[in-house]
């Protein structure tokens, strides 16, 4: 897309949000009610309010992300136990199935079952 067109669209969007924020200032409504009436999301409202308040108006900040190589992750000792098959029978680990459960914390359990 042409850079000049991108700039024009960006400026139009800024003008639209400036007008919207001015309406909010005089509306005497909560953000939730105002956003519902304007058909915009609350996160978008807060983003543009911050952006247009001058905090982020200067130059856009670039965030440098470092990619960190992930080496070996020790998952602890694996416990192999028979997994239930449909019909209530048990399946031995070497007889065609394996179940791995990893407790990720905060009540999240990762369960991998191969039959």
PDB file of N, CA and C in Angstrom:
ATOM      1  N   UNK A   1       0.855  -1.173   0.000  1.00  0.00           N
ATOM      2  CA  UNK A   1       0.000   0.000   0.000  1.00  0.00           C
ATOM      3  C   UNK A   1       0.901   1.236   0.000  1.00  0.00           C
ATOM      4  N   UNK A   2       0.474   2.246  -0.680  1.00  0.00           N
ATOM      5  CA  UNK A   2       1.222   3.491  -0.792  1.00  0.00           C
ATOM      6  C   UNK A   2       1.355   4.145   0.588  1.00  0.00           C
ATOM      7  N   UNK A   3       2.574   4.577   0.929  1.00  0.00           N
ATOM      8  CA  UNK A   3       2.833   5.172   2.247  1.00  0.00           C
ATOM      9  C   UNK A   3       2.035   6.456   2.463  1.00  0.00           C
ATOM     10  N   UNK A   4       1.856   7.245   1.403  1.00  0.00           N
ATOM     11  CA  UNK A   4       1.081   8.489   1.533  1.00  0.00           C
ATOM     12  C   UNK A   4      -0.367   8.179   1.892  1.00  0.00           C
ATOM     13  N   UNK A   5      -0.916   7.125   1.283  1.00  0.00           N
ATOM     14  CA  UNK A   5      -2.288   6.717   1.583  1.00  0.00           C
ATOM     15  C   UNK A   5      -2.405   6.234   3.022  1.00  0.00           C
ATOM     16  N   UNK A   6      -1.406   5.501   3.484  1.00  0.00           N
ATOM     17  CA  UNK A   6      -1.397   5.028   4.869  1.00  0.00           C
ATOM     18  C   UNK A   6      -1.387   6.217   5.826  1.00  0.00           C
ATOM     19  N   UNK A   7      -0.566   7.232   5.533  1.00  0.00           N
ATOM     20  CA  UNK A   7      -0.506   8.418   6.393  1.00  0.00           C
ATOM     21  C   UNK A   7      -1.844   9.155   6.417  1.00  0.00           C
ATOM     22  N   UNK A   8      -2.484   9.291   5.254  1.00  0.00           N
ATOM     23  CA  UNK A   8      -3.771   9.977   5.177  1.00  0.00           C
ATOM     24  C   UNK A   8      -4.823   9.232   5.992  1.00  0.00           C
ATOM     25  N   UNK A   9      -4.855   7.908   5.853  1.00  0.00           N
ATOM     26  CA  UNK A   9      -5.817   7.119   6.625  1.00  0.00           C
ATOM     27  C   UNK A   9      -5.542   7.226   8.122  1.00  0.00           C
ATOM     28  N   UNK A  10      -4.258   7.215   8.484  1.00  0.00           N
ATOM     29  CA  UNK A  10      -3.899   7.347   9.896  1.00  0.00           C
ATOM     30  C   UNK A  10      -4.324   8.682  10.470  1.00  0.00           C
ATOM     31  N   UNK A  11      -4.139   9.760   9.695  1.00  0.00           N
ATOM     32  CA  UNK A  11      -4.555  11.091  10.162  1.00  0.00           C
ATOM     33  C   UNK A  11      -6.075  11.171  10.267  1.00  0.00           C
ATOM     34  N   UNK A  12      -6.778  10.563   9.329  1.00  0.00           N
ATOM     35  CA  UNK A  12      -8.244  10.561   9.386  1.00  0.00           C
ATOM     36  C   UNK A  12      -8.726   9.816  10.626  1.00  0.00           C
ATOM     37  N   UNK A  13      -8.069   8.709  10.934  1.00  0.00           N
ATOM     38  CA  UNK A  13      -8.434   7.938  12.123  1.00  0.00           C
ATOM     39  C   UNK A  13      -8.171   8.741  13.392  1.00  0.00           C
ATOM     40  N   UNK A  14      -7.052   9.476  13.431  1.00  0.00           N
ATOM     41  CA  UNK A  14      -6.753  10.329  14.589  1.00  0.00           C
ATOM     42  C   UNK A  14      -7.824  11.398  14.767  1.00  0.00           C
ATOM     43  N   UNK A  15      -8.216  12.026  13.661  1.00  0.00           N
ATOM     44  CA  UNK A  15      -9.262  13.057  13.744  1.00  0.00           C
ATOM     45  C   UNK A  15     -10.580  12.471  14.245  1.00  0.00           C
ATOM     46  N   UNK A  16     -10.907  11.279  13.764  1.00  0.00           N
ATOM     47  CA  UNK A  16     -12.142  10.615  14.187  1.00  0.00           C
ATOM     48  C   UNK A  16     -12.107  10.337  15.684  1.00  0.00           C
ATOM     49  N   UNK A  17     -10.972   9.856  16.194  1.00  0.00           N
ATOM     50  CA  UNK A  17     -10.881   9.544  17.620  1.00  0.00           C
ATOM     51  C   UNK A  17     -10.813  10.813  18.475  1.00  0.00           C
ATOM     52  N   UNK A  18     -10.173  11.879  17.964  1.00  0.00           N
ATOM     53  CA  UNK A  18     -10.163  13.138  18.721  1.00  0.00           C
ATOM     54  C   UNK A  18     -11.591  13.646  18.917  1.00  0.00           C
ATOM     55  N   UNK A  19     -12.382  13.595  17.831  1.00  0.00           N
ATOM     56  CA  UNK A  19     -13.781  14.037  17.919  1.00  0.00           C
ATOM     57  C   UNK A  19     -14.559  13.143  18.880  1.00  0.00           C
ATOM     58  N   UNK A  20     -14.305  11.840  18.826  1.00  0.00           N
ATOM     59  CA  UNK A  20     -15.000  10.897  19.714  1.00  0.00           C
ATOM     60  C   UNK A  20     -14.642  11.174  21.172  1.00  0.00           C
ATOM     61  N   UNK A  21     -13.370  11.443  21.453  1.00  0.00           N
ATOM     62  CA  UNK A  21     -12.941  11.715  22.831  1.00  0.00           C
ATOM     63  C   UNK A  21     -13.506  13.043  23.330  1.00  0.00           C
ATOM     64  N   UNK A  22     -13.677  14.018  22.440  1.00  0.00           N
ATOM     65  CA  UNK A  22     -14.312  15.277  22.832  1.00  0.00           C
ATOM     66  C   UNK A  22     -15.787  15.044  23.178  1.00  0.00           C
ATOM     67  N   UNK A  23     -16.448  14.192  22.399  1.00  0.00           N
ATOM     68  CA  UNK A  23     -17.845  13.858  22.718  1.00  0.00           C
ATOM     69  C   UNK A  23     -17.933  13.167  24.077  1.00  0.00           C
ATOM     70  N   UNK A  24     -16.958  12.291  24.365  1.00  0.00           N
ATOM     71  CA  UNK A  24     -16.958  11.588  25.648  1.00  0.00           C
ATOM     72  C   UNK A  24     -16.798  12.574  26.805  1.00  0.00           C
ATOM     73  N   UNK A  25     -15.921  13.560  26.622  1.00  0.00           N
ATOM     74  CA  UNK A  25     -15.685  14.539  27.692  1.00  0.00           C
ATOM     75  C   UNK A  25     -16.970  15.285  28.064  1.00  0.00           C
ATOM     76  N   UNK A  26     -17.838  15.527  27.087  1.00  0.00           N
ATOM     77  CA  UNK A  26     -19.079  16.235  27.374  1.00  0.00           C
ATOM     78  C   UNK A  26     -20.270  15.335  27.626  1.00  0.00           C
ATOM     79  N   UNK A  27     -20.085  14.037  27.507  1.00  0.00           N
ATOM     80  CA  UNK A  27     -21.213  13.105  27.589  1.00  0.00           C
ATOM     81  C   UNK A  27     -21.639  12.769  29.008  1.00  0.00           C
ATOM     82  N   UNK A  28     -20.759  12.875  29.969  1.00  0.00           N
ATOM     83  CA  UNK A  28     -21.077  12.529  31.360  1.00  0.00           C
ATOM     84  C   UNK A  28     -21.596  11.095  31.474  1.00  0.00           C
ATOM     85  N   UNK A  29     -20.941  10.179  30.745  1.00  0.00           N
ATOM     86  CA  UNK A  29     -21.288   8.761  30.779  1.00  0.00           C
ATOM     87  C   UNK A  29     -20.060   7.964  31.190  1.00  0.00           C
ATOM     88  N   UNK A  30     -20.309   6.742  31.595  1.00  0.00           N
ATOM     89  CA  UNK A  30     -19.182   5.858  31.873  1.00  0.00           C
ATOM     90  C   UNK A  30     -18.568   5.435  30.544  1.00  0.00           C
ATOM     91  N   UNK A  31     -17.342   4.962  30.599  1.00  0.00           N
ATOM     92  CA  UNK A  31     -16.657   4.507  29.388  1.00  0.00           C
ATOM     93  C   UNK A  31     -17.444   3.365  28.751  1.00  0.00           C
ATOM     94  N   UNK A  32     -17.933   2.459  29.564  1.00  0.00           N
ATOM     95  CA  UNK A  32     -18.675   1.305  29.040  1.00  0.00           C
ATOM     96  C   UNK A  32     -19.915   1.733  28.259  1.00  0.00           C
ATOM     97  N   UNK A  33     -20.706   2.629  28.842  1.00  0.00           N
ATOM     98  CA  UNK A  33     -21.934   3.092  28.191  1.00  0.00           C
ATOM     99  C   UNK A  33     -21.601   3.883  26.927  1.00  0.00           C
ATOM    100  N   UNK A  34     -20.597   4.756  27.024  1.00  0.00           N
ATOM    101  CA  UNK A  34     -20.210   5.564  25.870  1.00  0.00           C
ATOM    102  C   UNK A  34     -19.716   4.685  24.721  1.00  0.00           C
ATOM    103  N   UNK A  35     -18.860   3.717  25.021  1.00  0.00           N
ATOM    104  CA  UNK A  35     -18.329   2.832  23.977  1.00  0.00           C
ATOM    105  C   UNK A  35     -19.438   2.015  23.325  1.00  0.00           C
ATOM    106  N   UNK A  36     -20.390   1.566  24.103  1.00  0.00           N
ATOM    107  CA  UNK A  36     -21.512   0.821  23.538  1.00  0.00           C
ATOM    108  C   UNK A  36     -22.316   1.709  22.594  1.00  0.00           C
ATOM    109  N   UNK A  37     -22.532   2.961  22.980  1.00  0.00           N
ATOM    110  CA  UNK A  37     -23.286   3.894  22.140  1.00  0.00           C
ATOM    111  C   UNK A  37     -22.522   4.235  20.858  1.00  0.00           C
ATOM    112  N   UNK A  38     -21.194   4.273  20.940  1.00  0.00           N
ATOM    113  CA  UNK A  38     -20.354   4.601  19.786  1.00  0.00           C
ATOM    114  C   UNK A  38     -19.977   3.371  18.957  1.00  0.00           C
ATOM    115  N   UNK A  39     -20.327   2.206  19.453  1.00  0.00           N
ATOM    116  CA  UNK A  39     -19.981   0.929  18.790  1.00  0.00           C
ATOM    117  C   UNK A  39     -18.471   0.750  18.629  1.00  0.00           C
ATOM    118  N   UNK A  40     -17.752   1.058  19.701  1.00  0.00           N
ATOM    119  CA  UNK A  40     -16.306   0.826  19.728  1.00  0.00           C
ATOM    120  C   UNK A  40     -15.978   0.014  20.972  1.00  0.00           C
ATOM    121  N   UNK A  41     -14.858  -0.671  20.948  1.00  0.00           N
ATOM    122  CA  UNK A  41     -14.475  -1.471  22.105  1.00  0.00           C
ATOM    123  C   UNK A  41     -13.820  -0.597  23.167  1.00  0.00           C
ATOM    124  N   UNK A  42     -13.942  -1.027  24.403  1.00  0.00           N
ATOM    125  CA  UNK A  42     -13.296  -0.296  25.497  1.00  0.00           C
ATOM    126  C   UNK A  42     -11.777  -0.298  25.372  1.00  0.00           C
ATOM    127  N   UNK A  43     -11.140  -1.446  24.999  1.00  0.00           N
ATOM    128  CA  UNK A  43      -9.686  -1.399  24.814  1.00  0.00           C
ATOM    129  C   UNK A  43      -9.259  -0.392  23.742  1.00  0.00           C
ATOM    130  N   UNK A  44     -10.025  -0.274  22.661  1.00  0.00           N
ATOM    131  CA  UNK A  44      -9.702   0.708  21.620  1.00  0.00           C
ATOM    132  C   UNK A  44      -9.834   2.130  22.181  1.00  0.00           C
ATOM    133  N   UNK A  45     -10.865   2.351  22.982  1.00  0.00           N
ATOM    134  CA  UNK A  45     -11.059   3.661  23.594  1.00  0.00           C
ATOM    135  C   UNK A  45      -9.850   4.046  24.434  1.00  0.00           C
ATOM    136  N   UNK A  46      -9.406   3.148  25.312  1.00  0.00           N
ATOM    137  CA  UNK A  46      -8.272   3.459  26.184  1.00  0.00           C
ATOM    138  C   UNK A  46      -6.977   3.605  25.391  1.00  0.00           C
ATOM    139  N   UNK A  47      -6.824   2.803  24.347  1.00  0.00           N
ATOM    140  CA  UNK A  47      -5.632   2.913  23.498  1.00  0.00           C
ATOM    141  C   UNK A  47      -5.552   4.303  22.873  1.00  0.00           C
ATOM    142  N   UNK A  48      -6.661   4.739  22.263  1.00  0.00           N
ATOM    143  CA  UNK A  48      -6.645   6.029  21.586  1.00  0.00           C
ATOM    144  C   UNK A  48      -6.584   7.187  22.568  1.00  0.00           C
ATOM    145  N   UNK A  49      -7.202   7.053  23.726  1.00  0.00           N
ATOM    146  CA  UNK A  49      -7.113   8.126  24.716  1.00  0.00           C
ATOM    147  C   UNK A  49      -5.665   8.312  25.163  1.00  0.00           C
ATOM    148  N   UNK A  50      -4.984   7.221  25.388  1.00  0.00           N
ATOM    149  CA  UNK A  50      -3.574   7.309  25.783  1.00  0.00           C
ATOM    150  C   UNK A  50      -2.733   7.851  24.639  1.00  0.00           C
ATOM    151  N   UNK A  51      -2.982   7.334  23.445  1.00  0.00           N
ATOM    152  CA  UNK A  51      -2.181   7.733  22.286  1.00  0.00           C
ATOM    153  C   UNK A  51      -2.347   9.220  21.981  1.00  0.00           C
ATOM    154  N   UNK A  52      -3.544   9.739  22.084  1.00  0.00           N
ATOM    155  CA  UNK A  52      -3.809  11.122  21.734  1.00  0.00           C
ATOM    156  C   UNK A  52      -3.582  12.092  22.891  1.00  0.00           C
ATOM    157  N   UNK A  53      -3.305  11.572  24.077  1.00  0.00           N
ATOM    158  CA  UNK A  53      -3.072  12.453  25.217  1.00  0.00           C
ATOM    159  C   UNK A  53      -1.677  13.053  25.187  1.00  0.00           C
ATOM    160  N   UNK A  54      -0.848  12.622  24.248  1.00  0.00           N
ATOM    161  CA  UNK A  54       0.498  13.166  24.143  1.00  0.00           C
ATOM    162  C   UNK A  54       1.549  12.219  24.685  1.00  0.00           C
ATOM    163  N   UNK A  55       1.135  11.202  25.439  1.00  0.00           N
ATOM    164  CA  UNK A  55       2.107  10.258  25.980  1.00  0.00           C
ATOM    165  C   UNK A  55       2.760   9.452  24.872  1.00  0.00           C
ATOM    166  N   UNK A  56       1.967   9.074  23.893  1.00  0.00           N
ATOM    167  CA  UNK A  56       2.514   8.266  22.815  1.00  0.00           C
ATOM    168  C   UNK A  56       2.508   9.029  21.496  1.00  0.00           C
ATOM    169  N   UNK A  57       2.222  10.335  21.543  1.00  0.00           N
ATOM    170  CA  UNK A  57       2.104  11.130  20.321  1.00  0.00           C
ATOM    171  C   UNK A  57       3.458  11.387  19.676  1.00  0.00           C
ATOM    172  N   UNK A  58       4.504  11.385  20.445  1.00  0.00           N
ATOM    173  CA  UNK A  58       5.830  11.649  19.884  1.00  0.00           C
ATOM    174  C   UNK A  58       6.149  10.605  18.815  1.00  0.00           C
ATOM    175  N   UNK A  59       7.339  10.168  18.759  1.00  0.00           N
ATOM    176  CA  UNK A  59       7.700   9.151  17.767  1.00  0.00           C
ATOM    177  C   UNK A  59       7.219   7.788  18.241  1.00  0.00           C
ATOM    178  N   UNK A  60       6.766   6.958  17.308  1.00  0.00           N
ATOM    179  CA  UNK A  60       6.363   5.614  17.714  1.00  0.00           C
ATOM    180  C   UNK A  60       7.564   4.865  18.280  1.00  0.00           C
ATOM    181  N   UNK A  61       7.330   4.178  19.360  1.00  0.00           N
ATOM    182  CA  UNK A  61       8.420   3.458  20.002  1.00  0.00           C
ATOM    183  C   UNK A  61       8.561   2.084  19.385  1.00  0.00           C
ATOM    184  N   UNK A  62       9.784   1.719  19.132  1.00  0.00           N
ATOM    185  CA  UNK A  62      10.044   0.382  18.619  1.00  0.00           C
ATOM    186  C   UNK A  62      10.477  -0.498  19.777  1.00  0.00           C
ATOM    187  N   UNK A  63       9.914  -1.652  19.809  1.00  0.00           N
ATOM    188  CA  UNK A  63      10.253  -2.607  20.852  1.00  0.00           C
ATOM    189  C   UNK A  63      11.146  -3.664  20.238  1.00  0.00           C
ATOM    190  N   UNK A  64      12.274  -3.859  20.851  1.00  0.00           N
ATOM    191  CA  UNK A  64      13.209  -4.851  20.355  1.00  0.00           C
ATOM    192  C   UNK A  64      12.982  -6.144  21.117  1.00  0.00           C
ATOM    193  N   UNK A  65      12.705  -7.181  20.389  1.00  0.00           N
ATOM    194  CA  UNK A  65      12.434  -8.466  21.008  1.00  0.00           C
ATOM    195  C   UNK A  65      13.618  -9.378  20.742  1.00  0.00           C
ATOM    196  N   UNK A  66      14.160  -9.895  21.807  1.00  0.00           N
ATOM    197  CA  UNK A  66      15.257 -10.850  21.658  1.00  0.00           C
ATOM    198  C   UNK A  66      14.697 -12.251  21.601  1.00  0.00           C
ATOM    199  N   UNK A  67      15.167 -12.974  20.638  1.00  0.00           N
ATOM    200  CA  UNK A  67      14.769 -14.372  20.574  1.00  0.00           C
ATOM    201  C   UNK A  67      15.771 -15.161  21.401  1.00  0.00           C
ATOM    202  N   UNK A  68      15.240 -15.884  22.348  1.00  0.00           N
ATOM    203  CA  UNK A  68      16.087 -16.655  23.230  1.00  0.00           C
ATOM    204  C   UNK A  68      15.931 -18.118  22.886  1.00  0.00           C
ATOM    205  N   UNK A  69      17.050 -18.745  22.669  1.00  0.00           N
ATOM    206  CA  UNK A  69      17.011 -20.168  22.353  1.00  0.00           C
ATOM    207  C   UNK A  69      16.564 -20.937  23.584  1.00  0.00           C
ATOM    208  N   UNK A  70      15.634 -21.814  23.376  1.00  0.00           N
ATOM    209  CA  UNK A  70      15.156 -22.645  24.468  1.00  0.00           C
ATOM    210  C   UNK A  70      15.876 -23.969  24.365  1.00  0.00           C
ATOM    211  N   UNK A  71      16.598 -24.284  25.383  1.00  0.00           N
ATOM    212  CA  UNK A  71      17.320 -25.545  25.402  1.00  0.00           C
ATOM    213  C   UNK A  71      16.445 -26.653  25.945  1.00  0.00           C
ATOM    214  N   UNK A  72      17.036 -27.586  26.518  1.00  0.00           N
ATOM    215  CA  UNK A  72      16.332 -28.721  27.088  1.00  0.00           C
ATOM    216  C   UNK A  72      15.526 -28.269  28.299  1.00  0.00           C
ATOM    217  N   UNK A  73      14.295 -28.685  28.370  1.00  0.00           N
ATOM    218  CA  UNK A  73      13.442 -28.375  29.511  1.00  0.00           C
ATOM    219  C   UNK A  73      13.193 -29.676  30.262  1.00  0.00           C
ATOM    220  N   UNK A  74      13.667 -29.743  31.491  1.00  0.00           N
ATOM    221  CA  UNK A  74      13.490 -30.937  32.296  1.00  0.00           C
ATOM    222  C   UNK A  74      12.063 -30.976  32.821  1.00  0.00           C
ATOM    223  N   UNK A  75      11.311 -31.963  32.403  1.00  0.00           N
ATOM    224  CA  UNK A  75       9.922 -32.089  32.821  1.00  0.00           C
ATOM    225  C   UNK A  75       9.769 -33.004  34.028  1.00  0.00           C
ATOM    226  N   UNK A  76      10.843 -33.448  34.576  1.00  0.00           N
ATOM    227  CA  UNK A  76      10.764 -34.321  35.735  1.00  0.00           C
ATOM    228  C   UNK A  76      10.710 -35.782  35.332  1.00  0.00           C
ATOM    229  N   UNK A  77      10.348 -36.615  36.271  1.00  0.00           N
ATOM    230  CA  UNK A  77      10.297 -38.059  36.045  1.00  0.00           C
ATOM    231  C   UNK A  77       8.929 -38.435  35.495  1.00  0.00           C
ATOM    232  N   UNK A  78       8.925 -39.186  34.424  1.00  0.00           N
ATOM    233  CA  UNK A  78       7.666 -39.635  33.834  1.00  0.00           C
ATOM    234  C   UNK A  78       7.196 -40.894  34.535  1.00  0.00           C
ATOM    235  N   UNK A  79       5.913 -40.902  34.883  1.00  0.00           N
ATOM    236  CA  UNK A  79       5.305 -42.087  35.470  1.00  0.00           C
ATOM    237  C   UNK A  79       4.399 -42.714  34.422  1.00  0.00           C
ATOM    238  N   UNK A  80       4.621 -43.951  34.121  1.00  0.00           N
ATOM    239  CA  UNK A  80       3.799 -44.646  33.140  1.00  0.00           C
ATOM    240  C   UNK A  80       2.824 -45.527  33.899  1.00  0.00           C
ATOM    241  N   UNK A  81       1.545 -45.356  33.580  1.00  0.00           N
ATOM    242  CA  UNK A  81       0.526 -46.174  34.216  1.00  0.00           C
ATOM    243  C   UNK A  81      -0.472 -46.601  33.135  1.00  0.00           C
ATOM    244  N   UNK A  82      -1.154 -47.691  33.343  1.00  0.00           N
ATOM    245  CA  UNK A  82      -2.132 -48.133  32.349  1.00  0.00           C
ATOM    246  C   UNK A  82      -3.241 -47.101  32.186  1.00  0.00           C
ATOM    247  N   UNK A  83      -3.664 -46.893  30.953  1.00  0.00           N
ATOM    248  CA  UNK A  83      -4.743 -45.953  30.667  1.00  0.00           C
ATOM    249  C   UNK A  83      -6.029 -46.724  30.390  1.00  0.00           C
ATOM    250  N   UNK A  84      -7.166 -46.212  30.869  1.00  0.00           N
ATOM    251  CA  UNK A  84      -8.426 -46.916  30.626  1.00  0.00           C
ATOM    252  C   UNK A  84      -8.820 -46.837  29.149  1.00  0.00           C
ATOM    253  N   UNK A  85      -9.313 -47.952  28.639  1.00  0.00           N
ATOM    254  CA  UNK A  85      -9.800 -48.020  27.263  1.00  0.00           C
ATOM    255  C   UNK A  85     -11.320 -47.959  27.304  1.00  0.00           C
ATOM    256  N   UNK A  86     -11.942 -47.629  26.179  1.00  0.00           N
ATOM    257  CA  UNK A  86     -13.411 -47.673  26.139  1.00  0.00           C
ATOM    258  C   UNK A  86     -13.896 -49.072  26.503  1.00  0.00           C
ATOM    259  N   UNK A  87     -14.901 -49.143  27.308  1.00  0.00           N
ATOM    260  CA  UNK A  87     -15.427 -50.424  27.752  1.00  0.00           C
ATOM    261  C   UNK A  87     -14.896 -50.810  29.118  1.00  0.00           C
ATOM    262  N   UNK A  88     -14.013 -49.991  29.703  1.00  0.00           N
ATOM    263  CA  UNK A  88     -13.542 -50.247  31.055  1.00  0.00           C
ATOM    264  C   UNK A  88     -12.286 -51.088  31.151  1.00  0.00           C
ATOM    265  N   UNK A  89     -11.752 -51.619  30.038  1.00  0.00           N
ATOM    266  CA  UNK A  89     -10.534 -52.422  30.130  1.00  0.00           C
ATOM    267  C   UNK A  89      -9.317 -51.510  30.249  1.00  0.00           C
ATOM    268  N   UNK A  90      -8.237 -52.060  30.757  1.00  0.00           N
ATOM    269  CA  UNK A  90      -7.000 -51.301  30.886  1.00  0.00           C
ATOM    270  C   UNK A  90      -6.043 -51.676  29.769  1.00  0.00           C
ATOM    271  N   UNK A  91      -5.244 -50.705  29.364  1.00  0.00           N
ATOM    272  CA  UNK A  91      -4.303 -50.914  28.279  1.00  0.00           C
ATOM    273  C   UNK A  91      -2.899 -50.765  28.855  1.00  0.00           C
ATOM    274  N   UNK A  92      -2.055 -51.721  28.625  1.00  0.00           N
ATOM    275  CA  UNK A  92      -0.681 -51.648  29.099  1.00  0.00           C
ATOM    276  C   UNK A  92       0.094 -50.673  28.215  1.00  0.00           C
ATOM    277  N   UNK A  93       1.106 -49.966  28.764  1.00  0.00           N
ATOM    278  CA  UNK A  93       1.845 -48.982  27.984  1.00  0.00           C
ATOM    279  C   UNK A  93       2.469 -49.537  26.702  1.00  0.00           C
ATOM    280  N   UNK A  94       2.920 -50.784  26.700  1.00  0.00           N
ATOM    281  CA  UNK A  94       3.551 -51.339  25.512  1.00  0.00           C
ATOM    282  C   UNK A  94       2.562 -52.056  24.602  1.00  0.00           C
ATOM    283  N   UNK A  95       1.323 -52.153  25.018  1.00  0.00           N
ATOM    284  CA  UNK A  95       0.333 -52.863  24.221  1.00  0.00           C
ATOM    285  C   UNK A  95      -0.479 -51.904  23.356  1.00  0.00           C
ATOM    286  N   UNK A  96       0.108 -50.772  22.971  1.00  0.00           N
ATOM    287  CA  UNK A  96      -0.565 -49.900  22.028  1.00  0.00           C
ATOM    288  C   UNK A  96      -1.025 -48.561  22.561  1.00  0.00           C
ATOM    289  N   UNK A  97      -0.638 -48.177  23.752  1.00  0.00           N
ATOM    290  CA  UNK A  97      -1.098 -46.883  24.240  1.00  0.00           C
ATOM    291  C   UNK A  97      -0.173 -46.288  25.277  1.00  0.00           C
ATOM    292  N   UNK A  98      -0.269 -45.001  25.447  1.00  0.00           N
ATOM    293  CA  UNK A  98       0.543 -44.290  26.416  1.00  0.00           C
ATOM    294  C   UNK A  98      -0.204 -43.033  26.836  1.00  0.00           C
ATOM    295  N   UNK A  99      -0.187 -42.735  28.123  1.00  0.00           N
ATOM    296  CA  UNK A  99      -0.802 -41.515  28.637  1.00  0.00           C
ATOM    297  C   UNK A  99       0.254 -40.708  29.362  1.00  0.00           C
ATOM    298  N   UNK A 100       0.322 -39.399  29.040  1.00  0.00           N
ATOM    299  CA  UNK A 100       1.253 -38.495  29.693  1.00  0.00           C
ATOM    300  C   UNK A 100       0.430 -37.342  30.259  1.00  0.00           C
ATOM    301  N   UNK A 101       0.602 -37.063  31.553  1.00  0.00           N
ATOM    302  CA  UNK A 101      -0.066 -35.934  32.190  1.00  0.00           C
ATOM    303  C   UNK A 101       0.994 -35.023  32.776  1.00  0.00           C
ATOM    304  N   UNK A 102       0.873 -33.730  32.477  1.00  0.00           N
ATOM    305  CA  UNK A 102       1.824 -32.750  32.994  1.00  0.00           C
ATOM    306  C   UNK A 102       1.016 -31.671  33.707  1.00  0.00           C
ATOM    307  N   UNK A 103       1.315 -31.469  34.988  1.00  0.00           N
ATOM    308  CA  UNK A 103       0.649 -30.432  35.765  1.00  0.00           C
ATOM    309  C   UNK A 103       1.366 -29.116  35.486  1.00  0.00           C
ATOM    310  N   UNK A 104       0.709 -28.185  34.788  1.00  0.00           N
ATOM    311  CA  UNK A 104       1.308 -26.910  34.417  1.00  0.00           C
ATOM    312  C   UNK A 104       1.127 -25.852  35.496  1.00  0.00           C
ATOM    313  N   UNK A 105       0.454 -26.184  36.560  1.00  0.00           N
ATOM    314  CA  UNK A 105       0.226 -25.238  37.642  1.00  0.00           C
ATOM    315  C   UNK A 105      -1.044 -24.435  37.408  1.00  0.00           C
ATOM    316  N   UNK A 106      -1.477 -23.734  38.408  1.00  0.00           N
ATOM    317  CA  UNK A 106      -2.679 -22.891  38.366  1.00  0.00           C
ATOM    318  C   UNK A 106      -3.906 -23.678  37.924  1.00  0.00           C
ATOM    319  N   UNK A 107      -3.951 -24.965  38.262  1.00  0.00           N
ATOM    320  CA  UNK A 107      -5.107 -25.785  37.939  1.00  0.00           C
ATOM    321  C   UNK A 107      -5.166 -26.264  36.499  1.00  0.00           C
ATOM    322  N   UNK A 108      -4.072 -26.124  35.756  1.00  0.00           N
ATOM    323  CA  UNK A 108      -4.044 -26.539  34.349  1.00  0.00           C
ATOM    324  C   UNK A 108      -3.276 -27.846  34.234  1.00  0.00           C
ATOM    325  N   UNK A 109      -3.909 -28.835  33.636  1.00  0.00           N
ATOM    326  CA  UNK A 109      -3.295 -30.142  33.447  1.00  0.00           C
ATOM    327  C   UNK A 109      -3.255 -30.442  31.953  1.00  0.00           C
ATOM    328  N   UNK A 110      -2.069 -30.756  31.435  1.00  0.00           N
ATOM    329  CA  UNK A 110      -1.912 -31.148  30.038  1.00  0.00           C
ATOM    330  C   UNK A 110      -1.944 -32.660  29.989  1.00  0.00           C
ATOM    331  N   UNK A 111      -2.865 -33.217  29.195  1.00  0.00           N
ATOM    332  CA  UNK A 111      -3.006 -34.652  29.112  1.00  0.00           C
ATOM    333  C   UNK A 111      -2.861 -35.091  27.665  1.00  0.00           C
ATOM    334  N   UNK A 112      -1.937 -35.984  27.409  1.00  0.00           N
ATOM    335  CA  UNK A 112      -1.706 -36.525  26.079  1.00  0.00           C
ATOM    336  C   UNK A 112      -1.951 -38.016  26.159  1.00  0.00           C
ATOM    337  N   UNK A 113      -2.848 -38.505  25.330  1.00  0.00           N
ATOM    338  CA  UNK A 113      -3.216 -39.905  25.345  1.00  0.00           C
ATOM    339  C   UNK A 113      -3.052 -40.466  23.949  1.00  0.00           C
ATOM    340  N   UNK A 114      -2.259 -41.507  23.828  1.00  0.00           N
ATOM    341  CA  UNK A 114      -2.073 -42.164  22.532  1.00  0.00           C
ATOM    342  C   UNK A 114      -2.541 -43.604  22.659  1.00  0.00           C
ATOM    343  N   UNK A 115      -3.412 -44.010  21.750  1.00  0.00           N
ATOM    344  CA  UNK A 115      -3.946 -45.374  21.789  1.00  0.00           C
ATOM    345  C   UNK A 115      -3.537 -46.121  20.558  1.00  0.00           C
TER     346      UNK A 115
END
